[in-house]
Amino acid sequence: MKGKLQHIESNAAAARPDPSPTVFSEQEINAYFTSGEIKLPAGVQSVRFQGQPGVVIGNARVDFDALKAGRHSSNPLLGMFSGVHDVEVNAAAYGRGGQGVVHVNSVSLDGVEIPNFVLKLFVDKYIQPRYPNIGLDSRFALPDQIDTAVVGLHKLTVTQK
């Protein structure tokens, strides 16, 4: 994974980047996250991804008290976001024209799906103050002249332009 990321970085610096696709396997991505190369937010552990066509399913063990770091809410709907839970996020994801798009389809805590309006309350209260560009619908510029990113069955394919 590290070698492929270095290739993408050096390819982006070329006058004419090679448009040949770079394919990351699900195993490579998960090993990279396990290696400690990626700094995860406080309270987020054991991150694993699974790719399906156009969809990323992410699983993690989350200590919500550490994630919220002293921020409290009197809203009883947000009370479920405390303690340590297994979290699964199902999101549509793709990149096209140098733009990445992620739309969260669903989130489950310990196997129970969280209603969308409660999820939005949580994101607005705890996530966006720290990470203003992250939400249930996120758009962002892809780095290193990446033009497309396609999530496939157990893989991610990127092309540069």
N, C-alpha and C. Protein backbone atom coordinates (compact mmCIF):
# COMPACT_ATOMS: atom_id res chain seq x y z
N MET A 1 0.83 -1.19 0.00
CA MET A 1 0.00 0.00 0.00
C MET A 1 0.87 1.25 0.00
N LYS A 2 1.89 1.23 0.85
CA LYS A 2 2.76 2.40 0.95
C LYS A 2 3.43 2.70 -0.39
N GLY A 3 3.89 1.64 -1.07
CA GLY A 3 4.52 1.81 -2.38
C GLY A 3 3.55 2.37 -3.42
N LYS A 4 2.32 1.93 -3.38
CA LYS A 4 1.32 2.44 -4.32
C LYS A 4 0.99 3.90 -4.03
N LEU A 5 0.94 4.26 -2.76
CA LEU A 5 0.71 5.67 -2.41
C LEU A 5 1.87 6.55 -2.86
N GLN A 6 3.10 6.04 -2.73
CA GLN A 6 4.27 6.79 -3.20
C GLN A 6 4.23 6.94 -4.72
N HIS A 7 3.80 5.89 -5.42
CA HIS A 7 3.65 5.97 -6.88
C HIS A 7 2.65 7.06 -7.26
N ILE A 8 1.53 7.10 -6.59
CA ILE A 8 0.50 8.11 -6.89
C ILE A 8 1.06 9.51 -6.66
N GLU A 9 1.78 9.68 -5.56
CA GLU A 9 2.37 10.98 -5.24
C GLU A 9 3.39 11.41 -6.30
N SER A 10 4.28 10.51 -6.67
CA SER A 10 5.30 10.87 -7.68
C SER A 10 4.67 11.02 -9.06
N ASN A 11 3.67 10.23 -9.37
CA ASN A 11 2.97 10.35 -10.66
C ASN A 11 2.27 11.70 -10.77
N ALA A 12 1.73 12.20 -9.66
CA ALA A 12 1.06 13.50 -9.67
C ALA A 12 2.02 14.64 -9.99
N ALA A 13 3.29 14.46 -9.63
CA ALA A 13 4.30 15.50 -9.87
C ALA A 13 4.80 15.51 -11.32
N ALA A 14 4.49 14.46 -12.07
CA ALA A 14 4.95 14.38 -13.47
C ALA A 14 4.21 15.40 -14.33
N ALA A 15 4.90 15.87 -15.38
CA ALA A 15 4.27 16.82 -16.31
C ALA A 15 3.01 16.22 -16.93
N ARG A 16 3.07 14.95 -17.27
CA ARG A 16 1.91 14.22 -17.79
C ARG A 16 1.76 12.93 -16.98
N PRO A 17 0.90 12.95 -15.96
CA PRO A 17 0.75 11.75 -15.14
C PRO A 17 0.28 10.55 -15.97
N ASP A 18 0.81 9.40 -15.63
CA ASP A 18 0.42 8.15 -16.27
C ASP A 18 -1.02 7.85 -15.84
N PRO A 19 -1.96 7.71 -16.79
CA PRO A 19 -3.36 7.48 -16.44
C PRO A 19 -3.69 6.01 -16.13
N SER A 20 -2.67 5.15 -16.12
CA SER A 20 -2.93 3.74 -15.80
C SER A 20 -3.52 3.64 -14.39
N PRO A 21 -4.54 2.81 -14.22
CA PRO A 21 -5.17 2.71 -12.91
C PRO A 21 -4.24 2.11 -11.85
N THR A 22 -4.43 2.55 -10.63
CA THR A 22 -3.77 1.96 -9.47
C THR A 22 -4.87 1.30 -8.66
N VAL A 23 -4.69 0.01 -8.38
CA VAL A 23 -5.72 -0.76 -7.67
C VAL A 23 -5.22 -1.10 -6.27
N PHE A 24 -6.03 -0.76 -5.29
CA PHE A 24 -5.76 -1.09 -3.90
C PHE A 24 -6.72 -2.20 -3.50
N SER A 25 -6.18 -3.29 -2.98
CA SER A 25 -7.06 -4.36 -2.51
C SER A 25 -7.58 -4.00 -1.12
N GLU A 26 -8.70 -4.59 -0.80
CA GLU A 26 -9.29 -4.41 0.53
C GLU A 26 -8.28 -4.83 1.61
N GLN A 27 -7.56 -5.91 1.37
CA GLN A 27 -6.55 -6.39 2.33
C GLN A 27 -5.45 -5.35 2.54
N GLU A 28 -4.98 -4.73 1.45
CA GLU A 28 -3.94 -3.71 1.57
C GLU A 28 -4.43 -2.52 2.38
N ILE A 29 -5.64 -2.08 2.09
CA ILE A 29 -6.20 -0.92 2.79
C ILE A 29 -6.34 -1.22 4.28
N ASN A 30 -6.90 -2.38 4.61
CA ASN A 30 -7.09 -2.73 6.01
C ASN A 30 -5.75 -2.91 6.74
N ALA A 31 -4.77 -3.51 6.08
CA ALA A 31 -3.45 -3.66 6.69
C ALA A 31 -2.81 -2.29 6.94
N TYR A 32 -3.00 -1.36 6.03
CA TYR A 32 -2.45 -0.01 6.18
C TYR A 32 -3.06 0.69 7.40
N PHE A 33 -4.37 0.56 7.56
CA PHE A 33 -5.02 1.18 8.72
C PHE A 33 -4.59 0.50 10.02
N THR A 34 -4.37 -0.79 10.00
CA THR A 34 -3.93 -1.53 11.17
C THR A 34 -2.49 -1.19 11.54
N SER A 35 -1.67 -0.80 10.56
CA SER A 35 -0.25 -0.55 10.77
C SER A 35 0.04 0.67 11.63
N GLY A 36 -0.92 1.55 11.81
CA GLY A 36 -0.69 2.77 12.58
C GLY A 36 -0.23 3.93 11.72
N GLU A 37 -0.14 3.74 10.40
CA GLU A 37 0.26 4.83 9.49
C GLU A 37 -0.78 5.96 9.46
N ILE A 38 -2.02 5.62 9.74
CA ILE A 38 -3.11 6.60 9.74
C ILE A 38 -3.45 6.94 11.19
N LYS A 39 -3.47 8.24 11.51
CA LYS A 39 -3.84 8.66 12.86
C LYS A 39 -5.37 8.75 12.92
N LEU A 40 -5.95 7.90 13.72
CA LEU A 40 -7.40 7.88 13.87
C LEU A 40 -7.82 8.83 14.98
N PRO A 41 -9.06 9.35 14.91
CA PRO A 41 -9.55 10.19 16.01
C PRO A 41 -9.53 9.43 17.34
N ALA A 42 -9.38 10.15 18.43
CA ALA A 42 -9.41 9.54 19.76
C ALA A 42 -10.68 8.73 19.93
N GLY A 43 -10.54 7.52 20.44
CA GLY A 43 -11.70 6.67 20.69
C GLY A 43 -12.06 5.74 19.55
N VAL A 44 -11.44 5.90 18.38
CA VAL A 44 -11.75 5.04 17.23
C VAL A 44 -10.67 3.98 17.11
N GLN A 45 -11.10 2.71 17.11
CA GLN A 45 -10.15 1.59 17.05
C GLN A 45 -10.66 0.53 16.09
N SER A 46 -9.77 -0.38 15.75
CA SER A 46 -10.11 -1.58 14.97
C SER A 46 -10.90 -1.27 13.70
N VAL A 47 -10.42 -0.33 12.93
CA VAL A 47 -11.11 0.07 11.70
C VAL A 47 -10.88 -0.97 10.61
N ARG A 48 -11.96 -1.37 9.95
CA ARG A 48 -11.89 -2.32 8.83
C ARG A 48 -12.87 -1.86 7.76
N PHE A 49 -12.45 -2.01 6.51
CA PHE A 49 -13.28 -1.61 5.38
C PHE A 49 -13.59 -2.81 4.50
N GLN A 50 -14.76 -2.75 3.90
CA GLN A 50 -15.15 -3.75 2.90
C GLN A 50 -15.71 -2.98 1.71
N GLY A 51 -15.22 -3.32 0.52
CA GLY A 51 -15.71 -2.67 -0.69
C GLY A 51 -16.73 -3.52 -1.41
N GLN A 52 -17.82 -2.89 -1.79
CA GLN A 52 -18.84 -3.45 -2.66
C GLN A 52 -18.97 -2.46 -3.81
N PRO A 53 -19.48 -2.85 -4.96
CA PRO A 53 -19.57 -1.89 -6.07
C PRO A 53 -20.28 -0.59 -5.66
N GLY A 54 -19.50 0.50 -5.64
CA GLY A 54 -20.03 1.82 -5.31
C GLY A 54 -20.27 2.07 -3.84
N VAL A 55 -19.97 1.11 -2.99
CA VAL A 55 -20.29 1.22 -1.56
C VAL A 55 -19.07 0.80 -0.72
N VAL A 56 -18.84 1.56 0.35
CA VAL A 56 -17.83 1.20 1.33
C VAL A 56 -18.57 0.90 2.63
N ILE A 57 -18.24 -0.23 3.23
CA ILE A 57 -18.78 -0.57 4.55
C ILE A 57 -17.60 -0.52 5.51
N GLY A 58 -17.71 0.35 6.50
CA GLY A 58 -16.65 0.50 7.49
C GLY A 58 -17.13 0.01 8.84
N ASN A 59 -16.26 -0.71 9.53
CA ASN A 59 -16.56 -1.19 10.88
C ASN A 59 -15.46 -0.71 11.81
N ALA A 60 -15.86 -0.33 13.02
CA ALA A 60 -14.89 0.12 14.01
C ALA A 60 -15.45 -0.10 15.40
N ARG A 61 -14.55 -0.15 16.35
CA ARG A 61 -14.92 -0.15 17.76
C ARG A 61 -14.72 1.30 18.20
N VAL A 62 -15.76 1.92 18.76
CA VAL A 62 -15.70 3.34 19.07
C VAL A 62 -16.03 3.58 20.54
N ASP A 63 -15.14 4.30 21.21
CA ASP A 63 -15.38 4.78 22.57
C ASP A 63 -15.92 6.20 22.42
N PHE A 64 -17.24 6.32 22.50
CA PHE A 64 -17.87 7.61 22.25
C PHE A 64 -17.52 8.66 23.29
N ASP A 65 -17.24 8.24 24.52
CA ASP A 65 -16.85 9.22 25.54
C ASP A 65 -15.51 9.86 25.18
N ALA A 66 -14.58 9.07 24.67
CA ALA A 66 -13.28 9.61 24.23
C ALA A 66 -13.47 10.45 22.97
N LEU A 67 -14.33 10.00 22.06
CA LEU A 67 -14.57 10.73 20.81
C LEU A 67 -15.17 12.10 21.08
N LYS A 68 -16.10 12.17 22.03
CA LYS A 68 -16.76 13.43 22.35
C LYS A 68 -15.88 14.34 23.20
N ALA A 69 -14.89 13.79 23.88
CA ALA A 69 -13.88 14.53 24.66
C ALA A 69 -14.45 15.69 25.45
N GLY A 70 -15.32 15.39 26.40
CA GLY A 70 -15.81 16.42 27.30
C GLY A 70 -16.99 17.23 26.79
N ARG A 71 -17.37 17.05 25.56
CA ARG A 71 -18.54 17.78 25.04
C ARG A 71 -19.78 17.00 25.45
N HIS A 72 -20.72 17.67 26.06
CA HIS A 72 -21.93 17.01 26.56
C HIS A 72 -23.16 17.62 25.92
N SER A 73 -24.23 16.86 25.96
CA SER A 73 -25.51 17.34 25.45
C SER A 73 -26.60 16.90 26.41
N SER A 74 -27.58 17.75 26.60
CA SER A 74 -28.73 17.37 27.42
C SER A 74 -29.82 16.73 26.58
N ASN A 75 -29.58 16.60 25.27
CA ASN A 75 -30.56 15.98 24.38
C ASN A 75 -30.57 14.47 24.64
N PRO A 76 -31.71 13.93 25.10
CA PRO A 76 -31.75 12.49 25.41
C PRO A 76 -31.54 11.60 24.18
N LEU A 77 -31.81 12.10 23.00
CA LEU A 77 -31.60 11.32 21.79
C LEU A 77 -30.12 11.02 21.56
N LEU A 78 -29.25 11.88 22.08
CA LEU A 78 -27.82 11.69 21.91
C LEU A 78 -27.21 10.81 22.99
N GLY A 79 -28.03 10.39 23.96
CA GLY A 79 -27.56 9.55 25.06
C GLY A 79 -27.02 8.20 24.61
N MET A 80 -27.50 7.70 23.47
CA MET A 80 -27.02 6.40 23.00
C MET A 80 -25.56 6.44 22.56
N PHE A 81 -25.04 7.65 22.32
CA PHE A 81 -23.66 7.81 21.89
C PHE A 81 -22.75 8.00 23.09
N SER A 82 -22.72 6.99 23.95
CA SER A 82 -21.80 6.99 25.09
C SER A 82 -21.34 5.55 25.30
N GLY A 83 -20.19 5.42 25.95
CA GLY A 83 -19.64 4.10 26.15
C GLY A 83 -18.95 3.59 24.89
N VAL A 84 -18.64 2.29 24.88
CA VAL A 84 -17.92 1.67 23.78
C VAL A 84 -18.88 0.80 22.99
N HIS A 85 -18.88 0.98 21.66
CA HIS A 85 -19.81 0.25 20.79
C HIS A 85 -19.12 -0.16 19.50
N ASP A 86 -19.65 -1.23 18.91
CA ASP A 86 -19.27 -1.61 17.55
C ASP A 86 -20.11 -0.80 16.60
N VAL A 87 -19.46 -0.12 15.66
CA VAL A 87 -20.15 0.77 14.73
C VAL A 87 -19.94 0.26 13.31
N GLU A 88 -21.00 0.27 12.53
CA GLU A 88 -20.89 -0.05 11.11
C GLU A 88 -21.49 1.11 10.32
N VAL A 89 -20.72 1.58 9.35
CA VAL A 89 -21.17 2.67 8.47
C VAL A 89 -21.23 2.12 7.06
N ASN A 90 -22.34 2.34 6.39
CA ASN A 90 -22.53 1.95 5.00
C ASN A 90 -22.65 3.25 4.21
N ALA A 91 -21.75 3.46 3.25
CA ALA A 91 -21.72 4.73 2.52
C ALA A 91 -21.48 4.51 1.03
N ALA A 92 -22.22 5.24 0.21
CA ALA A 92 -21.93 5.30 -1.22
C ALA A 92 -20.72 6.21 -1.37
N ALA A 93 -19.76 5.80 -2.21
CA ALA A 93 -18.55 6.59 -2.36
C ALA A 93 -18.01 6.46 -3.78
N TYR A 94 -17.55 7.60 -4.32
CA TYR A 94 -16.93 7.58 -5.65
C TYR A 94 -16.16 8.87 -5.84
N GLY A 95 -15.32 8.86 -6.84
CA GLY A 95 -14.61 10.06 -7.25
C GLY A 95 -14.74 10.21 -8.75
N ARG A 96 -15.00 11.44 -9.18
CA ARG A 96 -15.16 11.72 -10.61
C ARG A 96 -14.78 13.17 -10.85
N GLY A 97 -14.00 13.39 -11.89
CA GLY A 97 -13.61 14.76 -12.23
C GLY A 97 -12.81 15.44 -11.15
N GLY A 98 -12.02 14.67 -10.40
CA GLY A 98 -11.19 15.25 -9.35
C GLY A 98 -11.93 15.55 -8.06
N GLN A 99 -13.20 15.17 -7.98
CA GLN A 99 -14.01 15.41 -6.78
C GLN A 99 -14.42 14.08 -6.15
N GLY A 100 -14.26 13.96 -4.84
CA GLY A 100 -14.71 12.80 -4.10
C GLY A 100 -16.08 13.07 -3.52
N VAL A 101 -16.92 12.05 -3.49
CA VAL A 101 -18.27 12.18 -2.94
C VAL A 101 -18.52 10.98 -2.03
N VAL A 102 -19.01 11.26 -0.82
CA VAL A 102 -19.40 10.21 0.11
C VAL A 102 -20.78 10.55 0.66
N HIS A 103 -21.70 9.60 0.56
CA HIS A 103 -23.04 9.76 1.11
C HIS A 103 -23.28 8.60 2.08
N VAL A 104 -23.48 8.93 3.35
CA VAL A 104 -23.72 7.90 4.36
C VAL A 104 -25.14 7.37 4.19
N ASN A 105 -25.24 6.08 3.89
CA ASN A 105 -26.54 5.44 3.73
C ASN A 105 -27.14 5.04 5.07
N SER A 106 -26.30 4.47 5.95
CA SER A 106 -26.79 4.03 7.25
C SER A 106 -25.64 3.87 8.22
N VAL A 107 -25.98 3.94 9.52
CA VAL A 107 -25.02 3.70 10.60
C VAL A 107 -25.72 2.83 11.63
N SER A 108 -25.00 1.81 12.09
CA SER A 108 -25.54 0.92 13.13
C SER A 108 -24.60 0.91 14.32
N LEU A 109 -25.18 0.88 15.52
CA LEU A 109 -24.44 0.70 16.76
C LEU A 109 -24.83 -0.66 17.31
N ASP A 110 -23.85 -1.52 17.50
CA ASP A 110 -24.10 -2.86 18.03
C ASP A 110 -25.23 -3.56 17.27
N GLY A 111 -25.27 -3.37 15.95
CA GLY A 111 -26.26 -4.03 15.11
C GLY A 111 -27.61 -3.36 15.01
N VAL A 112 -27.79 -2.23 15.69
CA VAL A 112 -29.07 -1.51 15.65
C VAL A 112 -28.89 -0.25 14.82
N GLU A 113 -29.69 -0.12 13.75
CA GLU A 113 -29.57 1.05 12.87
C GLU A 113 -30.05 2.31 13.58
N ILE A 114 -29.26 3.37 13.43
CA ILE A 114 -29.56 4.66 14.04
C ILE A 114 -30.44 5.47 13.08
N PRO A 115 -31.57 6.01 13.56
CA PRO A 115 -32.39 6.85 12.68
C PRO A 115 -31.57 8.02 12.13
N ASN A 116 -31.83 8.37 10.90
CA ASN A 116 -31.05 9.40 10.21
C ASN A 116 -31.07 10.74 10.94
N PHE A 117 -32.23 11.15 11.50
CA PHE A 117 -32.28 12.45 12.16
C PHE A 117 -31.44 12.46 13.44
N VAL A 118 -31.33 11.32 14.13
CA VAL A 118 -30.48 11.24 15.32
C VAL A 118 -29.01 11.28 14.91
N LEU A 119 -28.70 10.59 13.84
CA LEU A 119 -27.34 10.61 13.31
C LEU A 119 -26.93 12.03 12.93
N LYS A 120 -27.83 12.76 12.29
CA LYS A 120 -27.55 14.15 11.90
C LYS A 120 -27.29 15.01 13.14
N LEU A 121 -28.08 14.81 14.20
CA LEU A 121 -27.84 15.54 15.45
C LEU A 121 -26.43 15.28 15.99
N PHE A 122 -26.03 13.99 15.98
CA PHE A 122 -24.70 13.63 16.46
C PHE A 122 -23.60 14.27 15.62
N VAL A 123 -23.72 14.19 14.32
CA VAL A 123 -22.71 14.76 13.41
C VAL A 123 -22.62 16.27 13.63
N ASP A 124 -23.76 16.95 13.71
CA ASP A 124 -23.77 18.39 13.90
C ASP A 124 -23.15 18.80 15.24
N LYS A 125 -23.41 18.03 16.29
CA LYS A 125 -22.95 18.39 17.64
C LYS A 125 -21.49 18.02 17.90
N TYR A 126 -21.07 16.82 17.41
CA TYR A 126 -19.76 16.31 17.82
C TYR A 126 -18.73 16.20 16.70
N ILE A 127 -19.15 15.94 15.49
CA ILE A 127 -18.18 15.71 14.41
C ILE A 127 -17.82 17.00 13.70
N GLN A 128 -18.82 17.74 13.24
CA GLN A 128 -18.53 18.94 12.43
C GLN A 128 -17.78 20.05 13.17
N PRO A 129 -17.94 20.21 14.48
CA PRO A 129 -17.10 21.23 15.13
C PRO A 129 -15.60 20.93 15.00
N ARG A 130 -15.23 19.65 14.99
CA ARG A 130 -13.81 19.27 14.86
C ARG A 130 -13.40 19.06 13.41
N TYR A 131 -14.32 18.54 12.62
CA TYR A 131 -14.04 18.20 11.22
C TYR A 131 -15.14 18.84 10.35
N PRO A 132 -15.03 20.14 10.08
CA PRO A 132 -16.11 20.86 9.41
C PRO A 132 -16.47 20.35 8.01
N ASN A 133 -15.56 19.64 7.36
CA ASN A 133 -15.84 19.18 6.00
C ASN A 133 -16.43 17.77 5.96
N ILE A 134 -16.71 17.19 7.13
CA ILE A 134 -17.26 15.84 7.18
C ILE A 134 -18.71 15.91 7.63
N GLY A 135 -19.56 15.20 6.90
CA GLY A 135 -20.97 15.14 7.26
C GLY A 135 -21.58 13.89 6.70
N LEU A 136 -22.90 13.83 6.68
CA LEU A 136 -23.58 12.68 6.10
C LEU A 136 -23.46 12.70 4.58
N ASP A 137 -23.26 13.87 4.02
CA ASP A 137 -22.98 14.05 2.60
C ASP A 137 -21.74 14.92 2.50
N SER A 138 -20.67 14.36 1.96
CA SER A 138 -19.40 15.09 1.89
C SER A 138 -18.89 15.13 0.46
N ARG A 139 -18.36 16.29 0.07
CA ARG A 139 -17.70 16.47 -1.23
C ARG A 139 -16.35 17.11 -0.95
N PHE A 140 -15.34 16.65 -1.68
CA PHE A 140 -14.00 17.15 -1.43
C PHE A 140 -13.14 16.95 -2.67
N ALA A 141 -12.09 17.77 -2.77
CA ALA A 141 -11.15 17.63 -3.88
C ALA A 141 -10.29 16.41 -3.63
N LEU A 142 -10.10 15.60 -4.66
CA LEU A 142 -9.22 14.44 -4.56
C LEU A 142 -7.77 14.93 -4.69
N PRO A 143 -6.85 14.35 -3.90
CA PRO A 143 -5.45 14.81 -3.94
C PRO A 143 -4.69 14.21 -5.12
N ASP A 144 -3.50 14.72 -5.33
CA ASP A 144 -2.50 14.13 -6.23
C ASP A 144 -3.02 13.88 -7.64
N GLN A 145 -3.80 14.81 -8.15
CA GLN A 145 -4.33 14.74 -9.52
C GLN A 145 -5.14 13.47 -9.77
N ILE A 146 -5.73 12.92 -8.72
CA ILE A 146 -6.61 11.77 -8.91
C ILE A 146 -7.87 12.27 -9.58
N ASP A 147 -8.21 11.66 -10.69
CA ASP A 147 -9.39 12.05 -11.46
C ASP A 147 -10.61 11.21 -11.07
N THR A 148 -10.41 9.88 -10.96
CA THR A 148 -11.52 9.01 -10.60
C THR A 148 -11.11 8.06 -9.49
N ALA A 149 -12.08 7.68 -8.70
CA ALA A 149 -11.92 6.66 -7.66
C ALA A 149 -13.17 5.80 -7.71
N VAL A 150 -12.97 4.51 -7.96
CA VAL A 150 -14.10 3.61 -8.11
C VAL A 150 -13.99 2.50 -7.07
N VAL A 151 -15.02 2.39 -6.23
CA VAL A 151 -15.07 1.31 -5.25
C VAL A 151 -15.68 0.11 -5.93
N GLY A 152 -14.95 -0.99 -5.91
CA GLY A 152 -15.43 -2.23 -6.50
C GLY A 152 -15.51 -3.32 -5.45
N LEU A 153 -15.72 -4.52 -5.90
CA LEU A 153 -15.81 -5.66 -4.99
C LEU A 153 -14.43 -5.93 -4.39
N HIS A 154 -14.27 -5.56 -3.12
CA HIS A 154 -13.04 -5.76 -2.34
C HIS A 154 -11.83 -5.02 -2.91
N LYS A 155 -12.09 -3.88 -3.61
CA LYS A 155 -10.96 -3.11 -4.14
C LYS A 155 -11.37 -1.66 -4.37
N LEU A 156 -10.35 -0.81 -4.51
CA LEU A 156 -10.50 0.59 -4.87
C LEU A 156 -9.56 0.86 -6.03
N THR A 157 -10.10 1.41 -7.12
CA THR A 157 -9.30 1.72 -8.30
C THR A 157 -9.28 3.23 -8.51
N VAL A 158 -8.07 3.79 -8.59
CA VAL A 158 -7.93 5.24 -8.82
C VAL A 158 -7.16 5.47 -10.12
N THR A 159 -7.54 6.54 -10.81
CA THR A 159 -6.79 6.97 -12.00
C THR A 159 -6.44 8.44 -11.82
N GLN A 160 -5.32 8.79 -12.38
CA GLN A 160 -4.83 10.16 -12.32
C GLN A 160 -4.87 10.78 -13.70
N LYS A 161 -4.93 12.07 -13.73
CA LYS A 161 -5.03 12.80 -15.00
C LYS A 161 -4.14 14.01 -14.97
